[in-house]
């Protein structure tokens, strides 16, 4: 028997978010559930260009039985441009979404009873990505080490390391993870094992947005 479509969906750019978010939510006392019956179904799009392609978000809202859709995207280097791209995909379904990004996570309802939520990583107000957000979850006791990892990335960039400046947050968090016990844990396991603390105060706003949007 085919599984009934989940009424609550979270649309994400890629597999990092798909694997990290359940551990982040579980780590805040909200049981995610089994793979066959999660509290929210995460759909990953293998890149923001696919998530924001014409018709992608709209098709999710038009799927049978869907009541709530969250959209999770990285700001990268232009938060306002990212919001305009998202807004262009949802304005026909949610005509009251603001023209300018409000600087805080968004939750809107429409006349059909559906809900839309938007979170722009890392914090709805600055440039960056999910790896920037995850740096907020580093323990206070490790702040000096994280600062040093950032400086190391500056130094190796000057020595010709080929990573793009847009990916600097990735280089920084993976450098820091390389110095942990056990070195080099994947991001999702770092959250699950509390190398990165999912219940950190810096994660609270995201968790509250998730609770309010999906009513969990």
Protein backbone atom coordinates (compact mmCIF):
# COMPACT_ATOMS: atom_id res chain seq x y z
CA UNK A 1 0.00 0.00 0.00
CA UNK A 2 1.38 3.41 -0.95
CA UNK A 3 2.20 5.67 1.98
CA UNK A 4 -0.17 8.58 2.40
CA UNK A 5 1.50 11.92 1.56
CA UNK A 6 2.67 13.75 4.67
CA UNK A 7 0.67 16.94 5.36
CA UNK A 8 3.69 18.75 6.84
CA UNK A 9 6.76 19.32 4.65
CA UNK A 10 10.11 21.02 5.14
CA UNK A 11 11.84 21.94 1.87
CA UNK A 12 15.64 22.18 2.11
CA UNK A 13 18.52 22.79 -0.27
CA UNK A 14 20.40 19.54 0.24
CA UNK A 15 21.34 16.48 2.22
CA UNK A 16 23.19 18.35 4.98
CA UNK A 17 19.96 19.97 6.10
CA UNK A 18 18.02 16.75 5.54
CA UNK A 19 20.26 14.90 8.00
CA UNK A 20 21.03 17.68 10.49
CA UNK A 21 17.53 19.02 11.18
CA UNK A 22 16.04 15.80 12.67
CA UNK A 23 18.92 15.56 15.17
CA UNK A 24 18.58 19.24 16.02
CA UNK A 25 14.87 18.82 16.72
CA UNK A 26 15.33 15.52 18.60
CA UNK A 27 18.01 17.18 20.70
CA UNK A 28 15.46 19.71 21.90
CA UNK A 29 13.06 17.13 23.27
CA UNK A 30 10.81 16.89 20.20
CA UNK A 31 10.81 13.25 19.06
CA UNK A 32 11.33 13.13 15.31
CA UNK A 33 9.84 9.67 14.88
CA UNK A 34 10.81 6.79 12.64
CA UNK A 35 11.81 7.13 9.00
CA UNK A 36 8.40 5.81 7.95
CA UNK A 37 6.49 8.18 10.24
CA UNK A 38 8.40 11.42 10.97
CA UNK A 39 6.66 14.40 12.49
CA UNK A 40 7.63 16.36 9.36
CA UNK A 41 8.73 15.09 5.96
CA UNK A 42 11.90 16.71 4.69
CA UNK A 43 12.31 17.12 0.94
CA UNK A 44 15.81 17.94 -0.31
CA UNK A 45 16.32 19.47 -3.75
CA UNK A 46 20.01 18.93 -4.46
CA UNK A 47 20.71 22.64 -4.57
CA UNK A 48 18.99 25.95 -4.02
CA UNK A 49 18.58 26.47 -7.75
CA UNK A 50 16.27 23.43 -7.85
CA UNK A 51 14.38 24.42 -4.72
CA UNK A 52 13.72 27.88 -6.16
CA UNK A 53 13.01 26.71 -9.70
CA UNK A 54 9.67 27.80 -11.13
CA UNK A 55 6.90 25.57 -9.86
CA UNK A 56 8.84 23.57 -7.26
CA UNK A 57 7.49 25.16 -4.07
CA UNK A 58 4.11 25.70 -5.67
CA UNK A 59 3.83 22.00 -6.55
CA UNK A 60 4.40 21.03 -2.92
CA UNK A 61 1.56 23.25 -1.75
CA UNK A 62 -0.70 21.75 -4.43
CA UNK A 63 0.06 18.16 -3.38
CA UNK A 64 -2.90 16.31 -1.93
CA UNK A 65 -3.42 16.88 1.76
CA UNK A 66 -0.53 19.28 2.35
CA UNK A 67 -1.33 21.77 5.10
CA UNK A 68 2.04 23.21 6.11
CA UNK A 69 5.26 23.89 4.21
CA UNK A 70 8.50 25.22 5.61
CA UNK A 71 11.17 26.61 3.29
CA UNK A 72 14.73 26.55 4.62
CA UNK A 73 17.37 28.29 2.49
CA UNK A 74 20.82 29.81 2.97
CA UNK A 75 21.22 33.56 2.73
CA UNK A 76 24.68 33.06 1.19
CA UNK A 77 26.03 36.55 0.43
CA UNK A 78 22.72 38.34 -0.30
CA UNK A 79 19.85 37.74 2.12
CA UNK A 80 17.50 40.21 0.44
CA UNK A 81 17.98 38.62 -2.97
CA UNK A 82 17.31 35.21 -1.48
CA UNK A 83 14.05 36.44 0.03
CA UNK A 84 12.93 37.98 -3.26
CA UNK A 85 13.54 34.64 -4.98
CA UNK A 86 11.46 32.80 -2.36
CA UNK A 87 8.77 35.48 -2.40
CA UNK A 88 8.43 35.18 -6.15
CA UNK A 89 7.56 31.50 -5.74
CA UNK A 90 4.96 31.90 -2.97
CA UNK A 91 3.28 35.24 -3.66
CA UNK A 92 0.51 33.68 -5.75
CA UNK A 93 -0.44 31.41 -2.85
CA UNK A 94 0.33 33.81 0.02
CA UNK A 95 -0.40 37.31 -1.28
CA UNK A 96 0.21 38.93 2.11
CA UNK A 97 3.87 37.98 2.47
CA UNK A 98 5.92 41.15 2.95
CA UNK A 99 7.74 42.80 0.09
CA UNK A 100 10.84 43.28 2.25
CA UNK A 101 12.26 40.54 4.41
CA UNK A 102 11.34 41.34 8.06
CA UNK A 103 14.63 40.16 9.56
CA UNK A 104 12.95 37.43 11.58
CA UNK A 105 11.59 34.00 10.70
CA UNK A 106 8.32 34.13 8.79
CA UNK A 107 5.04 32.25 9.29
CA UNK A 108 2.02 33.10 7.13
CA UNK A 109 -1.41 31.56 6.53
CA UNK A 110 -3.58 31.82 3.43
CA UNK A 111 -7.29 31.77 2.76
CA UNK A 112 -7.16 28.06 1.98
CA UNK A 113 -5.99 27.23 5.51
CA UNK A 114 -2.42 26.38 4.53
CA UNK A 115 0.65 27.65 6.39
CA UNK A 116 3.99 28.79 5.01
CA UNK A 117 7.15 29.17 7.04
CA UNK A 118 10.47 30.62 5.84
CA UNK A 119 13.81 30.53 7.65
CA UNK A 120 16.87 32.03 5.96
CA UNK A 121 20.09 30.60 7.36
CA UNK A 122 21.90 31.36 9.47
CA UNK A 123 19.71 33.71 11.54
CA UNK A 124 17.36 35.60 9.19
CA UNK A 125 19.43 38.76 9.46
CA UNK A 126 22.99 38.07 8.28
CA UNK A 127 24.72 36.48 5.32
CA UNK A 128 25.85 32.88 5.62
CA UNK A 129 24.60 29.31 5.47
CA UNK A 130 23.70 26.34 7.63
CA UNK A 131 27.37 25.85 8.49
CA UNK A 132 27.37 29.41 9.87
CA UNK A 133 24.36 28.50 12.02
CA UNK A 134 26.05 25.34 13.27
CA UNK A 135 29.03 27.34 14.44
CA UNK A 136 26.65 28.99 16.91
CA UNK A 137 26.17 25.55 18.50
CA UNK A 138 29.84 25.10 19.41
CA UNK A 139 30.21 24.90 23.20
CA UNK A 140 31.32 28.04 25.01
CA UNK A 141 34.38 26.14 26.20
CA UNK A 142 35.43 25.75 22.56
CA UNK A 143 35.05 29.38 21.44
CA UNK A 144 38.80 30.01 21.43
CA UNK A 145 39.38 26.89 19.35
CA UNK A 146 36.68 27.91 16.88
CA UNK A 147 38.22 31.37 16.60
CA UNK A 148 41.55 29.71 15.90
CA UNK A 149 39.94 27.51 13.22
CA UNK A 150 38.65 30.66 11.56
CA UNK A 151 42.12 32.21 11.64
CA UNK A 152 43.64 29.03 10.22
CA UNK A 153 41.22 29.27 7.29
CA UNK A 154 42.32 32.87 6.69
CA UNK A 155 45.95 31.79 6.77
CA UNK A 156 45.59 28.82 4.43
CA UNK A 157 43.52 30.90 2.03
CA UNK A 158 46.42 33.35 1.84
CA UNK A 159 48.70 30.38 1.12
CA UNK A 160 46.59 29.37 -1.86
CA UNK A 161 43.97 27.00 -0.43
CA UNK A 162 41.41 26.86 -3.25
CA UNK A 163 38.13 26.96 -1.32
CA UNK A 164 35.83 29.79 -2.37
CA UNK A 165 35.22 32.66 0.01
CA UNK A 166 31.49 31.88 -0.20
CA UNK A 167 32.29 28.50 1.36
CA UNK A 168 34.43 29.83 4.17
CA UNK A 169 31.91 28.86 6.87
CA UNK A 170 32.13 25.26 5.65
CA UNK A 171 35.92 25.31 5.83
CA UNK A 172 35.78 26.77 9.34
CA UNK A 173 33.34 24.28 10.86
CA UNK A 174 35.04 21.26 9.27
CA UNK A 175 38.43 22.50 10.46
CA UNK A 176 37.07 22.77 14.00
CA UNK A 177 35.47 19.31 13.75
CA UNK A 178 38.82 17.87 12.66
CA UNK A 179 40.19 18.76 16.10
CA UNK A 180 37.44 17.09 18.13
CA UNK A 181 37.33 13.67 19.76
CA UNK A 182 36.61 11.83 17.49
CA UNK A 183 38.08 13.96 14.66
CA UNK A 184 36.05 14.76 11.56
CA UNK A 185 32.54 13.75 12.58
CA UNK A 186 29.88 14.52 9.94
CA UNK A 187 27.71 17.51 10.81
CA UNK A 188 24.62 15.45 11.62
CA UNK A 189 26.56 13.17 13.98
CA UNK A 190 28.25 16.16 15.60
CA UNK A 191 24.76 17.41 16.49
CA UNK A 192 23.49 13.97 17.52
CA UNK A 193 26.53 13.37 19.74
CA UNK A 194 26.39 16.93 21.12
CA UNK A 195 29.82 17.91 19.89
CA UNK A 196 27.65 20.72 18.56
CA UNK A 197 24.99 21.41 21.20
CA UNK A 198 21.45 21.23 19.73
CA UNK A 199 19.97 22.72 22.90
CA UNK A 200 22.26 25.74 22.75
CA UNK A 201 20.54 29.06 23.40
CA UNK A 202 21.58 30.08 19.88
CA UNK A 203 19.40 27.30 18.44
CA UNK A 204 16.32 28.30 20.42
CA UNK A 205 14.87 30.70 17.84
CA UNK A 206 15.03 28.10 15.08
CA UNK A 207 13.46 25.44 17.29
CA UNK A 208 10.67 27.81 18.32
CA UNK A 209 9.97 28.65 14.67
CA UNK A 210 9.81 24.94 13.89
CA UNK A 211 7.42 24.33 16.83
CA UNK A 212 5.14 27.20 15.90
CA UNK A 213 5.04 26.39 12.19
CA UNK A 214 4.46 22.66 12.44
CA UNK A 215 2.55 22.78 15.76
CA UNK A 216 4.69 20.16 17.50
